[in-house]
């Protein structure tokens, strides 16, 4: 677990107000904004190719992350 919170009074603070929750919510939003503006700057004739390459990249990244996470023994955490 990244950015853990060890000094808390109730469980709600850990889940709702930790830095991990903030990073987990803000980072995907920023990536979406950056990718959206990046696609908007590409000339129209390359838009379909760019979308296909972006989808392939995301699919490969998802597969790699799934394989990495499936190797972790969750009981030991």
C-alpha atoms as a PDB file:
ATOM      1  CA  UNK A   1       0.000   0.000   0.000  1.00  0.00           C
ATOM      2  CA  UNK A   2       1.371   3.386  -0.977  1.00  0.00           C
ATOM      3  CA  UNK A   3       1.061   6.458   1.264  1.00  0.00           C
ATOM      4  CA  UNK A   4      -0.403   4.659   4.303  1.00  0.00           C
ATOM      5  CA  UNK A   5      -2.104   6.497   7.169  1.00  0.00           C
ATOM      6  CA  UNK A   6      -1.211   5.046  10.559  1.00  0.00           C
ATOM      7  CA  UNK A   7      -2.540   7.684  12.965  1.00  0.00           C
ATOM      8  CA  UNK A   8      -6.317   7.766  12.690  1.00  0.00           C
ATOM      9  CA  UNK A   9      -9.300   7.796  15.027  1.00  0.00           C
ATOM     10  CA  UNK A  10     -11.876   6.025  12.847  1.00  0.00           C
ATOM     11  CA  UNK A  11     -11.896   3.973   9.658  1.00  0.00           C
ATOM     12  CA  UNK A  12     -13.650   6.649   7.593  1.00  0.00           C
ATOM     13  CA  UNK A  13     -10.617   8.919   7.827  1.00  0.00           C
ATOM     14  CA  UNK A  14      -8.351   6.246   6.350  1.00  0.00           C
ATOM     15  CA  UNK A  15     -10.656   5.514   3.422  1.00  0.00           C
ATOM     16  CA  UNK A  16     -11.947   8.979   2.570  1.00  0.00           C
ATOM     17  CA  UNK A  17      -9.172  11.395   3.499  1.00  0.00           C
ATOM     18  CA  UNK A  18      -5.898   9.613   2.911  1.00  0.00           C
ATOM     19  CA  UNK A  19      -3.341  10.650   0.322  1.00  0.00           C
ATOM     20  CA  UNK A  20      -3.837   7.292  -1.417  1.00  0.00           C
ATOM     21  CA  UNK A  21      -7.501   8.099  -2.051  1.00  0.00           C
ATOM     22  CA  UNK A  22      -6.581  11.529  -3.385  1.00  0.00           C
ATOM     23  CA  UNK A  23      -3.907  10.167  -5.712  1.00  0.00           C
ATOM     24  CA  UNK A  24      -6.198   7.339  -6.822  1.00  0.00           C
ATOM     25  CA  UNK A  25      -8.892   9.822  -7.791  1.00  0.00           C
ATOM     26  CA  UNK A  26      -6.853  12.659  -9.270  1.00  0.00           C
ATOM     27  CA  UNK A  27      -4.253  10.796 -11.330  1.00  0.00           C
ATOM     28  CA  UNK A  28      -6.727   8.971 -13.641  1.00  0.00           C
ATOM     29  CA  UNK A  29      -8.595  12.247 -14.172  1.00  0.00           C
ATOM     30  CA  UNK A  30      -5.390  14.049 -15.155  1.00  0.00           C
ATOM     31  CA  UNK A  31      -4.380  11.233 -17.503  1.00  0.00           C
ATOM     32  CA  UNK A  32      -7.800  11.455 -19.171  1.00  0.00           C
ATOM     33  CA  UNK A  33      -7.469  15.236 -19.631  1.00  0.00           C
ATOM     34  CA  UNK A  34      -3.948  14.935 -21.060  1.00  0.00           C
ATOM     35  CA  UNK A  35      -4.944  12.169 -23.473  1.00  0.00           C
ATOM     36  CA  UNK A  36      -8.054  14.074 -24.568  1.00  0.00           C
ATOM     37  CA  UNK A  37      -6.077  17.206 -25.407  1.00  0.00           C
ATOM     38  CA  UNK A  38      -3.409  15.081 -27.060  1.00  0.00           C
ATOM     39  CA  UNK A  39      -5.971  13.465 -29.359  1.00  0.00           C
ATOM     40  CA  UNK A  40      -7.491  16.864 -30.148  1.00  0.00           C
ATOM     41  CA  UNK A  41      -4.101  18.147 -31.358  1.00  0.00           C
ATOM     42  CA  UNK A  42      -3.628  15.285 -33.820  1.00  0.00           C
ATOM     43  CA  UNK A  43      -4.640  16.003 -37.427  1.00  0.00           C
ATOM     44  CA  UNK A  44      -7.982  14.507 -38.470  1.00  0.00           C
ATOM     45  CA  UNK A  45      -6.550  11.957 -40.897  1.00  0.00           C
ATOM     46  CA  UNK A  46      -4.553  10.282 -38.087  1.00  0.00           C
ATOM     47  CA  UNK A  47      -7.305  10.266 -35.441  1.00  0.00           C
ATOM     48  CA  UNK A  48      -8.482   6.697 -36.077  1.00  0.00           C
ATOM     49  CA  UNK A  49      -4.950   5.335 -36.094  1.00  0.00           C
ATOM     50  CA  UNK A  50      -4.169   7.206 -32.889  1.00  0.00           C
ATOM     51  CA  UNK A  51      -7.271   5.851 -31.163  1.00  0.00           C
ATOM     52  CA  UNK A  52      -6.388   2.296 -32.224  1.00  0.00           C
ATOM     53  CA  UNK A  53      -2.824   2.671 -30.931  1.00  0.00           C
ATOM     54  CA  UNK A  54      -4.069   4.197 -27.684  1.00  0.00           C
ATOM     55  CA  UNK A  55      -6.506   1.318 -27.170  1.00  0.00           C
ATOM     56  CA  UNK A  56      -3.751  -1.217 -27.858  1.00  0.00           C
ATOM     57  CA  UNK A  57      -1.452   0.539 -25.400  1.00  0.00           C
ATOM     58  CA  UNK A  58      -4.119   0.537 -22.692  1.00  0.00           C
ATOM     59  CA  UNK A  59      -4.934  -3.107 -23.351  1.00  0.00           C
ATOM     60  CA  UNK A  60      -1.271  -4.135 -23.075  1.00  0.00           C
ATOM     61  CA  UNK A  61      -0.786  -2.039 -19.923  1.00  0.00           C
ATOM     62  CA  UNK A  62      -3.901  -3.577 -18.357  1.00  0.00           C
ATOM     63  CA  UNK A  63      -2.692  -7.089 -19.171  1.00  0.00           C
ATOM     64  CA  UNK A  64       0.755  -6.406 -17.717  1.00  0.00           C
ATOM     65  CA  UNK A  65      -0.670  -4.906 -14.518  1.00  0.00           C
ATOM     66  CA  UNK A  66      -3.096  -7.818 -14.155  1.00  0.00           C
ATOM     67  CA  UNK A  67      -0.258 -10.325 -14.466  1.00  0.00           C
ATOM     68  CA  UNK A  68       1.864  -8.410 -11.960  1.00  0.00           C
ATOM     69  CA  UNK A  69      -0.967  -8.162  -9.436  1.00  0.00           C
ATOM     70  CA  UNK A  70      -2.029 -11.784  -9.854  1.00  0.00           C
ATOM     71  CA  UNK A  71       1.434 -12.905  -8.696  1.00  0.00           C
ATOM     72  CA  UNK A  72       0.992 -11.184  -5.307  1.00  0.00           C
ATOM     73  CA  UNK A  73      -0.218 -13.359  -2.453  1.00  0.00           C
ATOM     74  CA  UNK A  74      -3.025 -11.230  -1.023  1.00  0.00           C
ATOM     75  CA  UNK A  75      -3.199 -13.214   2.219  1.00  0.00           C
ATOM     76  CA  UNK A  76       0.327 -12.156   3.142  1.00  0.00           C
ATOM     77  CA  UNK A  77      -0.488  -8.460   2.806  1.00  0.00           C
END
